[in-house]
Protein backbone atom coordinates (compact mmCIF):
# COMPACT_ATOMS: atom_id res chain seq x y z
CA UNK A 1 3.15 19.64 12.43
CA UNK A 2 0.64 17.41 10.61
CA UNK A 3 -1.94 20.19 10.80
CA UNK A 4 0.54 22.72 9.45
CA UNK A 5 1.58 20.39 6.58
CA UNK A 6 -2.03 19.87 5.63
CA UNK A 7 -2.73 23.61 5.53
CA UNK A 8 0.50 24.08 3.55
CA UNK A 9 -0.75 21.62 0.88
CA UNK A 10 -4.12 23.31 0.77
CA UNK A 11 -2.43 26.73 0.50
CA UNK A 12 -0.29 25.53 -2.38
CA UNK A 13 -3.34 24.25 -4.31
CA UNK A 14 -5.35 27.39 -3.65
CA UNK A 15 -2.35 29.53 -4.68
CA UNK A 16 -2.32 27.85 -8.12
CA UNK A 17 -6.08 28.10 -8.51
CA UNK A 18 -6.30 31.75 -7.40
CA UNK A 19 -3.04 32.97 -8.96
CA UNK A 20 -1.86 34.52 -5.65
CA UNK A 21 0.10 33.22 -2.75
CA UNK A 22 -2.07 31.79 0.01
CA UNK A 23 -0.62 31.08 3.47
CA UNK A 24 -1.56 28.24 5.83
CA UNK A 25 -3.00 30.82 8.19
CA UNK A 26 -5.21 32.22 5.45
CA UNK A 27 -6.46 28.69 4.80
CA UNK A 28 -7.61 28.38 8.38
CA UNK A 29 -9.29 31.79 8.25
CA UNK A 30 -11.07 31.00 4.95
CA UNK A 31 -12.27 27.65 6.24
CA UNK A 32 -13.56 29.38 9.35
CA UNK A 33 -15.37 31.82 7.08
CA UNK A 34 -17.00 28.93 5.28
CA UNK A 35 -18.28 27.64 8.57
CA UNK A 36 -19.63 31.06 9.51
CA UNK A 37 -21.48 31.25 6.20
CA UNK A 38 -23.04 27.88 6.85
CA UNK A 39 -24.01 28.92 10.35
CA UNK A 40 -25.69 32.05 8.98
CA UNK A 41 -27.92 29.72 6.99
CA UNK A 42 -28.36 26.99 9.65
CA UNK A 43 -27.48 28.50 13.06
CA UNK A 44 -28.05 25.33 15.04
CA UNK A 45 -25.80 23.04 12.93
CA UNK A 46 -23.59 21.66 15.65
CA UNK A 47 -20.94 20.26 13.31
CA UNK A 48 -20.31 23.73 11.88
CA UNK A 49 -19.85 25.18 15.38
CA UNK A 50 -17.37 22.40 16.28
CA UNK A 51 -15.53 22.90 12.96
CA UNK A 52 -15.43 26.68 13.46
CA UNK A 53 -13.77 26.18 16.83
CA UNK A 54 -11.35 23.76 15.29
CA UNK A 55 -10.30 26.18 12.59
CA UNK A 56 -9.87 28.92 15.11
CA UNK A 57 -7.55 26.63 17.09
CA UNK A 58 -5.76 25.67 13.89
CA UNK A 59 -5.16 29.31 13.09
CA UNK A 60 -3.78 29.95 16.55
CA UNK A 61 -1.40 26.96 16.32
CA UNK A 62 -0.20 27.93 12.87
CA UNK A 63 0.46 31.52 13.86
CA UNK A 64 2.44 30.36 16.92
CA UNK A 65 4.91 28.30 14.85
């Protein structure tokens, strides 16, 4: 639940900034996209690979709630 609440808070902030509703699942997908963009620039950056896997798992957990 902590993970979900964190993504809910991020989604609420992004929703205000973007002027559209953002879901916790979309937060996880966008963060994964950020990591993919970083990996395109530095493919061997281990932290980005670990983070990408974490955001994929976060997305899965959020969608299974």
